[in-house]
Full PDB file with SEQRES, HELIX, SHEET, SSBOND, CRYST1, ORIGX, SCALE, CONECT and MASTER records, all heavy atoms in Angstrom:
SEQRES   1 A   38  ASP ALA MET ALA TRP PHE ARG GLN ALA PRO GLY LYS GLU          
SEQRES   2 A   38  ARG GLU CYS VAL ALA ALA ILE SER GLY SER GLY GLY ARG          
SEQRES   3 A   38  THR TYR TYR ALA ASP SER VAL LYS GLY ARG PHE THR              
SHEET    1 AA1 3 MET A   3  ARG A   7  0                                        
SHEET    2 AA1 3 GLU A  15  ILE A  20 -1                                        
SHEET    3 AA1 3 THR A  27  TYR A  29 -1                                        
CRYST1    1.000    1.000    1.000  90.00  90.00  90.00 P 1           1          
ORIGX1      1.000000  0.000000  0.000000        0.00000                         
ORIGX2      0.000000  1.000000  0.000000        0.00000                         
ORIGX3      0.000000  0.000000  1.000000        0.00000                         
SCALE1      1.000000  0.000000  0.000000        0.00000                         
SCALE2      0.000000  1.000000  0.000000        0.00000                         
SCALE3      0.000000  0.000000  1.000000        0.00000                         
ATOM      1  N   ASP A   1       0.799  -1.213   0.003  1.00  0.00           N  
ATOM      2  CA  ASP A   1       0.006  -0.026   0.000  1.00  0.00           C  
ATOM      3  C   ASP A   1       0.862   1.270  -0.028  1.00  0.00           C  
ATOM      4  O   ASP A   1       1.982   1.285   0.537  1.00  0.00           O  
ATOM      5  CB  ASP A   1      -0.896   0.044   1.219  1.00  0.00           C  
ATOM      6  CG  ASP A   1      -2.112  -0.868   1.098  1.00  0.00           C  
ATOM      7  OD1 ASP A   1      -2.170  -1.645   0.110  1.00  0.00           O  
ATOM      8  OD2 ASP A   1      -2.936  -0.822   2.028  1.00  0.00           O  
ATOM      9  N   ALA A   2       0.302   2.303  -0.574  1.00  0.00           N  
ATOM     10  CA  ALA A   2       0.810   3.633  -0.330  1.00  0.00           C  
ATOM     11  C   ALA A   2       0.348   4.040   1.047  1.00  0.00           C  
ATOM     12  O   ALA A   2      -0.786   3.831   1.394  1.00  0.00           O  
ATOM     13  CB  ALA A   2       0.277   4.640  -1.421  1.00  0.00           C  
ATOM     14  N   MET A   3       1.258   4.633   1.812  1.00  0.00           N  
ATOM     15  CA  MET A   3       0.907   4.993   3.160  1.00  0.00           C  
ATOM     16  C   MET A   3       1.389   6.421   3.473  1.00  0.00           C  
ATOM     17  O   MET A   3       2.269   6.917   2.774  1.00  0.00           O  
ATOM     18  CB  MET A   3       1.465   3.982   4.161  1.00  0.00           C  
ATOM     19  CG  MET A   3       1.011   2.568   3.911  1.00  0.00           C  
ATOM     20  SD  MET A   3       1.426   1.397   5.230  1.00  0.00           S  
ATOM     21  CE  MET A   3       0.291   1.910   6.556  1.00  0.00           C  
ATOM     22  N   ALA A   4       0.835   6.995   4.543  1.00  0.00           N  
ATOM     23  CA  ALA A   4       1.218   8.331   4.886  1.00  0.00           C  
ATOM     24  C   ALA A   4       0.909   8.626   6.311  1.00  0.00           C  
ATOM     25  O   ALA A   4       0.158   7.912   6.996  1.00  0.00           O  
ATOM     26  CB  ALA A   4       0.402   9.291   3.974  1.00  0.00           C  
ATOM     27  N   TRP A   5       1.533   9.717   6.811  1.00  0.00           N  
ATOM     28  CA  TRP A   5       1.217  10.286   8.113  1.00  0.00           C  
ATOM     29  C   TRP A   5       0.603  11.656   7.844  1.00  0.00           C  
ATOM     30  O   TRP A   5       1.156  12.471   7.157  1.00  0.00           O  
ATOM     31  CB  TRP A   5       2.487  10.412   8.937  1.00  0.00           C  
ATOM     32  CG  TRP A   5       3.049   9.145   9.447  1.00  0.00           C  
ATOM     33  CD1 TRP A   5       4.001   8.359   8.890  1.00  0.00           C  
ATOM     34  CD2 TRP A   5       2.598   8.443  10.628  1.00  0.00           C  
ATOM     35  NE1 TRP A   5       4.226   7.230   9.632  1.00  0.00           N  
ATOM     36  CE2 TRP A   5       3.343   7.297  10.728  1.00  0.00           C  
ATOM     37  CE3 TRP A   5       1.663   8.710  11.633  1.00  0.00           C  
ATOM     38  CZ2 TRP A   5       3.212   6.361  11.755  1.00  0.00           C  
ATOM     39  CZ3 TRP A   5       1.501   7.839  12.648  1.00  0.00           C  
ATOM     40  CH2 TRP A   5       2.273   6.665  12.726  1.00  0.00           C  
ATOM     41  N   PHE A   6      -0.560  11.885   8.451  1.00  0.00           N  
ATOM     42  CA  PHE A   6      -1.202  13.166   8.473  1.00  0.00           C  
ATOM     43  C   PHE A   6      -1.178  13.730   9.907  1.00  0.00           C  
ATOM     44  O   PHE A   6      -1.034  12.954  10.845  1.00  0.00           O  
ATOM     45  CB  PHE A   6      -2.636  13.043   7.983  1.00  0.00           C  
ATOM     46  CG  PHE A   6      -2.797  12.797   6.511  1.00  0.00           C  
ATOM     47  CD1 PHE A   6      -2.556  11.591   5.943  1.00  0.00           C  
ATOM     48  CD2 PHE A   6      -3.244  13.815   5.680  1.00  0.00           C  
ATOM     49  CE1 PHE A   6      -2.688  11.375   4.573  1.00  0.00           C  
ATOM     50  CE2 PHE A   6      -3.406  13.613   4.332  1.00  0.00           C  
ATOM     51  CZ  PHE A   6      -3.127  12.410   3.739  1.00  0.00           C  
ATOM     52  N   ARG A   7      -1.370  15.006  10.005  1.00  0.00           N  
ATOM     53  CA  ARG A   7      -1.592  15.586  11.333  1.00  0.00           C  
ATOM     54  C   ARG A   7      -2.640  16.631  11.277  1.00  0.00           C  
ATOM     55  O   ARG A   7      -2.879  17.259  10.234  1.00  0.00           O  
ATOM     56  CB  ARG A   7      -0.253  16.173  11.882  1.00  0.00           C  
ATOM     57  CG  ARG A   7       0.252  17.431  11.173  1.00  0.00           C  
ATOM     58  CD  ARG A   7       1.569  17.817  11.768  1.00  0.00           C  
ATOM     59  NE  ARG A   7       2.108  19.019  11.100  1.00  0.00           N  
ATOM     60  CZ  ARG A   7       3.317  19.526  11.321  1.00  0.00           C  
ATOM     61  NH1 ARG A   7       4.172  18.865  12.150  1.00  0.00           N  
ATOM     62  NH2 ARG A   7       3.717  20.607  10.692  1.00  0.00           N  
ATOM     63  N   GLN A   8      -3.283  16.868  12.426  1.00  0.00           N  
ATOM     64  CA  GLN A   8      -4.317  17.875  12.512  1.00  0.00           C  
ATOM     65  C   GLN A   8      -4.170  18.598  13.824  1.00  0.00           C  
ATOM     66  O   GLN A   8      -4.314  17.962  14.892  1.00  0.00           O  
ATOM     67  CB  GLN A   8      -5.711  17.284  12.347  1.00  0.00           C  
ATOM     68  CG  GLN A   8      -6.832  18.305  12.263  1.00  0.00           C  
ATOM     69  CD  GLN A   8      -8.088  17.724  11.773  1.00  0.00           C  
ATOM     70  OE1 GLN A   8      -8.342  16.514  11.864  1.00  0.00           O  
ATOM     71  NE2 GLN A   8      -8.992  18.541  11.230  1.00  0.00           N  
ATOM     72  N   ALA A   9      -3.942  19.860  13.754  1.00  0.00           N  
ATOM     73  CA  ALA A   9      -3.872  20.705  14.951  1.00  0.00           C  
ATOM     74  C   ALA A   9      -5.242  21.361  15.198  1.00  0.00           C  
ATOM     75  O   ALA A   9      -6.016  21.487  14.215  1.00  0.00           O  
ATOM     76  CB  ALA A   9      -2.818  21.780  14.801  1.00  0.00           C  
ATOM     77  N   PRO A  10      -5.548  21.782  16.409  1.00  0.00           N  
ATOM     78  CA  PRO A  10      -6.838  22.428  16.684  1.00  0.00           C  
ATOM     79  C   PRO A  10      -7.100  23.601  15.762  1.00  0.00           C  
ATOM     80  O   PRO A  10      -6.243  24.481  15.571  1.00  0.00           O  
ATOM     81  CB  PRO A  10      -6.720  22.848  18.110  1.00  0.00           C  
ATOM     82  CG  PRO A  10      -5.716  21.907  18.695  1.00  0.00           C  
ATOM     83  CD  PRO A  10      -4.740  21.634  17.619  1.00  0.00           C  
ATOM     84  N   GLY A  11      -8.272  23.593  15.135  1.00  0.00           N  
ATOM     85  CA  GLY A  11      -8.640  24.695  14.272  1.00  0.00           C  
ATOM     86  C   GLY A  11      -8.016  24.679  12.904  1.00  0.00           C  
ATOM     87  O   GLY A  11      -8.185  25.611  12.075  1.00  0.00           O  
ATOM     88  N   LYS A  12      -7.239  23.624  12.596  1.00  0.00           N  
ATOM     89  CA  LYS A  12      -6.559  23.567  11.273  1.00  0.00           C  
ATOM     90  C   LYS A  12      -7.018  22.312  10.540  1.00  0.00           C  
ATOM     91  O   LYS A  12      -7.537  21.339  11.114  1.00  0.00           O  
ATOM     92  CB  LYS A  12      -5.050  23.559  11.472  1.00  0.00           C  
ATOM     93  CG  LYS A  12      -4.500  24.825  12.061  1.00  0.00           C  
ATOM     94  CD  LYS A  12      -2.946  24.842  12.016  1.00  0.00           C  
ATOM     95  CE  LYS A  12      -2.411  26.134  12.549  1.00  0.00           C  
ATOM     96  NZ  LYS A  12      -0.914  26.157  12.480  1.00  0.00           N  
ATOM     97  N   GLU A  13      -6.800  22.365   9.215  1.00  0.00           N  
ATOM     98  CA  GLU A  13      -7.132  21.208   8.422  1.00  0.00           C  
ATOM     99  C   GLU A  13      -6.102  20.098   8.574  1.00  0.00           C  
ATOM    100  O   GLU A  13      -4.946  20.342   8.954  1.00  0.00           O  
ATOM    101  CB  GLU A  13      -7.161  21.607   6.925  1.00  0.00           C  
ATOM    102  CG  GLU A  13      -8.332  22.551   6.598  1.00  0.00           C  
ATOM    103  CD  GLU A  13      -8.444  22.842   5.124  1.00  0.00           C  
ATOM    104  OE1 GLU A  13      -7.542  22.415   4.375  1.00  0.00           O  
ATOM    105  OE2 GLU A  13      -9.407  23.487   4.700  1.00  0.00           O  
ATOM    106  N   ARG A  14      -6.529  18.874   8.305  1.00  0.00           N  
ATOM    107  CA  ARG A  14      -5.603  17.722   8.345  1.00  0.00           C  
ATOM    108  C   ARG A  14      -4.674  17.844   7.150  1.00  0.00           C  
ATOM    109  O   ARG A  14      -5.054  18.066   6.012  1.00  0.00           O  
ATOM    110  CB  ARG A  14      -6.413  16.414   8.263  1.00  0.00           C  
ATOM    111  CG  ARG A  14      -5.582  15.211   8.552  1.00  0.00           C  
ATOM    112  CD  ARG A  14      -6.451  13.978   8.689  1.00  0.00           C  
ATOM    113  NE  ARG A  14      -7.391  14.039   9.783  1.00  0.00           N  
ATOM    114  CZ  ARG A  14      -8.121  13.036  10.253  1.00  0.00           C  
ATOM    115  NH1 ARG A  14      -7.928  11.802   9.713  1.00  0.00           N  
ATOM    116  NH2 ARG A  14      -8.989  13.193  11.240  1.00  0.00           N  
ATOM    117  N   GLU A  15      -3.347  17.763   7.447  1.00  0.00           N  
ATOM    118  CA  GLU A  15      -2.344  17.920   6.421  1.00  0.00           C  
ATOM    119  C   GLU A  15      -1.433  16.650   6.372  1.00  0.00           C  
ATOM    120  O   GLU A  15      -1.152  16.050   7.382  1.00  0.00           O  
ATOM    121  CB  GLU A  15      -1.487  19.138   6.655  1.00  0.00           C  
ATOM    122  CG  GLU A  15      -0.693  19.104   7.951  1.00  0.00           C  
ATOM    123  CD  GLU A  15       0.347  20.224   8.053  1.00  0.00           C  
ATOM    124  OE1 GLU A  15       0.725  20.803   7.011  1.00  0.00           O  
ATOM    125  OE2 GLU A  15       0.800  20.492   9.175  1.00  0.00           O  
ATOM    126  N   CYS A  16      -0.978  16.363   5.170  1.00  0.00           N  
ATOM    127  CA  CYS A  16      -0.024  15.276   4.972  1.00  0.00           C  
ATOM    128  C   CYS A  16       1.342  15.758   5.322  1.00  0.00           C  
ATOM    129  O   CYS A  16       1.829  16.747   4.720  1.00  0.00           O  
ATOM    130  CB  CYS A  16      -0.097  14.739   3.534  1.00  0.00           C  
ATOM    131  SG  CYS A  16       1.020  13.361   3.207  1.00  0.00           S  
ATOM    132  N   VAL A  17       2.034  15.104   6.247  1.00  0.00           N  
ATOM    133  CA  VAL A  17       3.403  15.520   6.598  1.00  0.00           C  
ATOM    134  C   VAL A  17       4.433  14.593   5.935  1.00  0.00           C  
ATOM    135  O   VAL A  17       5.554  15.015   5.665  1.00  0.00           O  
ATOM    136  CB  VAL A  17       3.648  15.580   8.124  1.00  0.00           C  
ATOM    137  CG1 VAL A  17       2.768  16.670   8.770  1.00  0.00           C  
ATOM    138  CG2 VAL A  17       3.373  14.212   8.779  1.00  0.00           C  
ATOM    139  N   ALA A  18       4.075  13.340   5.676  1.00  0.00           N  
ATOM    140  CA  ALA A  18       4.996  12.414   5.030  1.00  0.00           C  
ATOM    141  C   ALA A  18       4.241  11.302   4.386  1.00  0.00           C  
ATOM    142  O   ALA A  18       3.191  10.904   4.870  1.00  0.00           O  
ATOM    143  CB  ALA A  18       5.986  11.854   6.050  1.00  0.00           C  
ATOM    144  N   ALA A  19       4.745  10.812   3.275  1.00  0.00           N  
ATOM    145  CA  ALA A  19       4.069   9.735   2.531  1.00  0.00           C  
ATOM    146  C   ALA A  19       5.128   8.834   1.944  1.00  0.00           C  
ATOM    147  O   ALA A  19       6.281   9.264   1.679  1.00  0.00           O  
ATOM    148  CB  ALA A  19       3.154  10.252   1.483  1.00  0.00           C  
ATOM    149  N   ILE A  20       4.754   7.559   1.753  1.00  0.00           N  
ATOM    150  CA  ILE A  20       5.722   6.579   1.189  1.00  0.00           C  
ATOM    151  C   ILE A  20       4.937   5.737   0.187  1.00  0.00           C  
ATOM    152  O   ILE A  20       3.762   5.377   0.352  1.00  0.00           O  
ATOM    153  CB  ILE A  20       6.372   5.765   2.306  1.00  0.00           C  
ATOM    154  CG1 ILE A  20       7.522   4.903   1.766  1.00  0.00           C  
ATOM    155  CG2 ILE A  20       5.344   4.929   3.047  1.00  0.00           C  
ATOM    156  CD1 ILE A  20       8.392   4.292   2.832  1.00  0.00           C  
ATOM    157  N   SER A  21       5.626   5.375  -0.914  1.00  0.00           N  
ATOM    158  CA  SER A  21       5.004   4.550  -1.956  1.00  0.00           C  
ATOM    159  C   SER A  21       4.957   3.129  -1.480  1.00  0.00           C  
ATOM    160  O   SER A  21       5.650   2.691  -0.561  1.00  0.00           O  
ATOM    161  CB  SER A  21       5.800   4.676  -3.250  1.00  0.00           C  
ATOM    162  OG  SER A  21       7.102   4.169  -3.081  1.00  0.00           O  
ATOM    163  N   GLY A  22       4.102   2.337  -2.176  1.00  0.00           N  
ATOM    164  CA  GLY A  22       4.014   0.899  -1.900  1.00  0.00           C  
ATOM    165  C   GLY A  22       5.311   0.193  -2.036  1.00  0.00           C  
ATOM    166  O   GLY A  22       5.612  -0.751  -1.337  1.00  0.00           O  
ATOM    167  N   SER A  23       6.112   0.647  -3.008  1.00  0.00           N  
ATOM    168  CA  SER A  23       7.387   0.023  -3.235  1.00  0.00           C  
ATOM    169  C   SER A  23       8.427   0.407  -2.199  1.00  0.00           C  
ATOM    170  O   SER A  23       9.475  -0.218  -2.059  1.00  0.00           O  
ATOM    171  CB  SER A  23       7.949   0.442  -4.612  1.00  0.00           C  
ATOM    172  OG  SER A  23       8.204   1.831  -4.647  1.00  0.00           O  
ATOM    173  N   GLY A  24       8.105   1.506  -1.461  1.00  0.00           N  
ATOM    174  CA  GLY A  24       9.065   2.003  -0.493  1.00  0.00           C  
ATOM    175  C   GLY A  24      10.156   2.901  -1.058  1.00  0.00           C  
ATOM    176  O   GLY A  24      10.972   3.432  -0.328  1.00  0.00           O  
ATOM    177  N   GLY A  25      10.169   2.970  -2.375  1.00  0.00           N  
ATOM    178  CA  GLY A  25      11.265   3.677  -3.058  1.00  0.00           C  
ATOM    179  C   GLY A  25      11.059   5.152  -3.175  1.00  0.00           C  
ATOM    180  O   GLY A  25      12.031   5.889  -3.479  1.00  0.00           O  
ATOM    181  N   ARG A  26       9.878   5.634  -2.963  1.00  0.00           N  
ATOM    182  CA  ARG A  26       9.610   7.070  -3.048  1.00  0.00           C  
ATOM    183  C   ARG A  26       9.032   7.565  -1.767  1.00  0.00           C  
ATOM    184  O   ARG A  26       8.185   6.904  -1.142  1.00  0.00           O  
ATOM    185  CB  ARG A  26       8.653   7.334  -4.227  1.00  0.00           C  
ATOM    186  CG  ARG A  26       9.168   7.070  -5.615  1.00  0.00           C  
ATOM    187  CD  ARG A  26       8.181   7.514  -6.649  1.00  0.00           C  
ATOM    188  NE  ARG A  26       7.967   8.943  -6.597  1.00  0.00           N  
ATOM    189  CZ  ARG A  26       6.826   9.539  -6.959  1.00  0.00           C  
ATOM    190  NH1 ARG A  26       5.814   8.831  -7.379  1.00  0.00           N  
ATOM    191  NH2 ARG A  26       6.728  10.837  -6.922  1.00  0.00           N  
ATOM    192  N   THR A  27       9.420   8.788  -1.385  1.00  0.00           N  
ATOM    193  CA  THR A  27       8.879   9.414  -0.177  1.00  0.00           C  
ATOM    194  C   THR A  27       8.575  10.828  -0.462  1.00  0.00           C  
ATOM    195  O   THR A  27       9.093  11.462  -1.437  1.00  0.00           O  
ATOM    196  CB  THR A  27       9.854   9.320   0.986  1.00  0.00           C  
ATOM    197  OG1 THR A  27      11.119   9.909   0.592  1.00  0.00           O  
ATOM    198  CG2 THR A  27      10.052   7.889   1.491  1.00  0.00           C  
ATOM    199  N   TYR A  28       7.686  11.407   0.344  1.00  0.00           N  
ATOM    200  CA  TYR A  28       7.292  12.807   0.256  1.00  0.00           C  
ATOM    201  C   TYR A  28       7.312  13.371   1.677  1.00  0.00           C  
ATOM    202  O   TYR A  28       6.964  12.699   2.604  1.00  0.00           O  
ATOM    203  CB  TYR A  28       5.907  12.933  -0.325  1.00  0.00           C  
ATOM    204  CG  TYR A  28       5.222  14.245   0.023  1.00  0.00           C  
ATOM    205  CD1 TYR A  28       5.391  15.388  -0.761  1.00  0.00           C  
ATOM    206  CD2 TYR A  28       4.436  14.367   1.183  1.00  0.00           C  
ATOM    207  CE1 TYR A  28       4.833  16.582  -0.464  1.00  0.00           C  
ATOM    208  CE2 TYR A  28       3.861  15.612   1.533  1.00  0.00           C  
ATOM    209  CZ  TYR A  28       4.051  16.705   0.716  1.00  0.00           C  
ATOM    210  OH  TYR A  28       3.477  17.878   1.037  1.00  0.00           O  
ATOM    211  N   TYR A  29       7.783  14.615   1.784  1.00  0.00           N  
ATOM    212  CA  TYR A  29       7.722  15.329   3.056  1.00  0.00           C  
ATOM    213  C   TYR A  29       7.192  16.748   2.833  1.00  0.00           C  
ATOM    214  O   TYR A  29       7.588  17.418   1.868  1.00  0.00           O  
ATOM    215  CB  TYR A  29       9.100  15.424   3.711  1.00  0.00           C  
ATOM    216  CG  TYR A  29       9.723  14.079   4.061  1.00  0.00           C  
ATOM    217  CD1 TYR A  29      10.545  13.417   3.181  1.00  0.00           C  
ATOM    218  CD2 TYR A  29       9.370  13.453   5.235  1.00  0.00           C  
ATOM    219  CE1 TYR A  29      11.076  12.176   3.542  1.00  0.00           C  
ATOM    220  CE2 TYR A  29       9.869  12.220   5.582  1.00  0.00           C  
ATOM    221  CZ  TYR A  29      10.762  11.562   4.747  1.00  0.00           C  
ATOM    222  OH  TYR A  29      11.217  10.360   5.059  1.00  0.00           O  
ATOM    223  N   ALA A  30       6.382  17.189   3.704  1.00  0.00           N  
ATOM    224  CA  ALA A  30       5.953  18.564   3.700  1.00  0.00           C  
ATOM    225  C   ALA A  30       7.133  19.444   4.008  1.00  0.00           C  
ATOM    226  O   ALA A  30       8.054  19.046   4.756  1.00  0.00           O  
ATOM    227  CB  ALA A  30       4.828  18.795   4.749  1.00  0.00           C  
ATOM    228  N   ASP A  31       7.129  20.634   3.448  1.00  0.00           N  
ATOM    229  CA  ASP A  31       8.271  21.573   3.630  1.00  0.00           C  
ATOM    230  C   ASP A  31       8.504  21.812   5.130  1.00  0.00           C  
ATOM    231  O   ASP A  31       9.660  21.990   5.572  1.00  0.00           O  
ATOM    232  CB  ASP A  31       8.023  22.872   2.929  1.00  0.00           C  
ATOM    233  CG  ASP A  31       8.138  22.757   1.421  1.00  0.00           C  
ATOM    234  OD1 ASP A  31       8.751  21.754   0.961  1.00  0.00           O  
ATOM    235  OD2 ASP A  31       7.655  23.651   0.705  1.00  0.00           O  
ATOM    236  N   SER A  32       7.452  21.865   5.914  1.00  0.00           N  
ATOM    237  CA  SER A  32       7.561  22.166   7.312  1.00  0.00           C  
ATOM    238  C   SER A  32       8.333  21.110   8.137  1.00  0.00           C  
ATOM    239  O   SER A  32       8.773  21.389   9.252  1.00  0.00           O  
ATOM    240  CB  SER A  32       6.198  22.420   7.921  1.00  0.00           C  
ATOM    241  OG  SER A  32       5.397  21.256   7.740  1.00  0.00           O  
ATOM    242  N   VAL A  33       8.444  19.893   7.601  1.00  0.00           N  
ATOM    243  CA  VAL A  33       9.058  18.816   8.335  1.00  0.00           C  
ATOM    244  C   VAL A  33      10.317  18.226   7.637  1.00  0.00           C  
ATOM    245  O   VAL A  33      10.994  17.391   8.208  1.00  0.00           O  
ATOM    246  CB  VAL A  33       8.098  17.669   8.671  1.00  0.00           C  
ATOM    247  CG1 VAL A  33       6.854  18.202   9.323  1.00  0.00           C  
ATOM    248  CG2 VAL A  33       7.744  16.880   7.426  1.00  0.00           C  
ATOM    249  N   LYS A  34      10.557  18.724   6.421  1.00  0.00           N  
ATOM    250  CA  LYS A  34      11.667  18.196   5.652  1.00  0.00           C  
ATOM    251  C   LYS A  34      12.982  18.362   6.405  1.00  0.00           C  
ATOM    252  O   LYS A  34      13.277  19.419   6.947  1.00  0.00           O  
ATOM    253  CB  LYS A  34      11.708  18.931   4.294  1.00  0.00           C  
ATOM    254  CG  LYS A  34      12.409  18.161   3.203  1.00  0.00           C  
ATOM    255  CD  LYS A  34      12.198  18.874   1.851  1.00  0.00           C  
ATOM    256  CE  LYS A  34      10.752  18.749   1.402  1.00  0.00           C  
ATOM    257  NZ  LYS A  34      10.542  19.373   0.073  1.00  0.00           N  
ATOM    258  N   GLY A  35      13.762  17.303   6.442  1.00  0.00           N  
ATOM    259  CA  GLY A  35      15.033  17.318   7.155  1.00  0.00           C  
ATOM    260  C   GLY A  35      14.924  16.989   8.608  1.00  0.00           C  
ATOM    261  O   GLY A  35      15.956  16.761   9.282  1.00  0.00           O  
ATOM    262  N   ARG A  36      13.691  16.908   9.143  1.00  0.00           N  
ATOM    263  CA  ARG A  36      13.510  16.583  10.566  1.00  0.00           C  
ATOM    264  C   ARG A  36      12.741  15.281  10.785  1.00  0.00           C  
ATOM    265  O   ARG A  36      12.973  14.625  11.779  1.00  0.00           O  
ATOM    266  CB  ARG A  36      12.754  17.727  11.248  1.00  0.00           C  
ATOM    267  CG  ARG A  36      13.427  19.064  11.187  1.00  0.00           C  
ATOM    268  CD  ARG A  36      12.668  20.116  12.030  1.00  0.00           C  
ATOM    269  NE  ARG A  36      11.292  20.347  11.611  1.00  0.00           N  
ATOM    270  CZ  ARG A  36      10.237  20.188  12.324  1.00  0.00           C  
ATOM    271  NH1 ARG A  36      10.353  19.720  13.554  1.00  0.00           N  
ATOM    272  NH2 ARG A  36       9.012  20.445  11.818  1.00  0.00           N  
ATOM    273  N   PHE A  37      11.850  14.949   9.852  1.00  0.00           N  
ATOM    274  CA  PHE A  37      11.025  13.735   9.962  1.00  0.00           C  
ATOM    275  C   PHE A  37      11.517  12.757   8.949  1.00  0.00           C  
ATOM    276  O   PHE A  37      11.909  13.093   7.857  1.00  0.00           O  
ATOM    277  CB  PHE A  37       9.553  14.058   9.744  1.00  0.00           C  
ATOM    278  CG  PHE A  37       8.880  14.831  10.812  1.00  0.00           C  
ATOM    279  CD1 PHE A  37       9.582  15.468  11.854  1.00  0.00           C  
ATOM    280  CD2 PHE A  37       7.486  14.945  10.817  1.00  0.00           C  
ATOM    281  CE1 PHE A  37       8.946  16.185  12.835  1.00  0.00           C  
ATOM    282  CE2 PHE A  37       6.809  15.692  11.765  1.00  0.00           C  
ATOM    283  CZ  PHE A  37       7.551  16.289  12.819  1.00  0.00           C  
ATOM    284  N   THR A  38      11.368  11.441   9.280  1.00  0.00           N  
ATOM    285  CA  THR A  38      11.699  10.373   8.376  1.00  0.00           C  
ATOM    286  C   THR A  38      10.606   9.306   8.433  1.00  0.00           C  
ATOM    287  O   THR A  38      10.305   8.766   9.493  1.00  0.00           O  
ATOM    288  CB  THR A  38      13.047   9.741   8.738  1.00  0.00           C  
ATOM    289  OG1 THR A  38      14.071  10.722   8.722  1.00  0.00           O  
ATOM    290  CG2 THR A  38      13.426   8.653   7.702  1.00  0.00           C  
TER     291      THR A  38                                                      
MASTER        0    0    0    0    3    0    0    6  290    1    0    3          
END                                                                             
């Protein structure tokens, strides 16, 4: 499966912070967490 981590702070929309492809070979990070989250 393609999988992801989302987060939602009070009063804010749910946002995707990181995602990974089913193959595991591709990843995505939101700019706000890039370099800090894996």
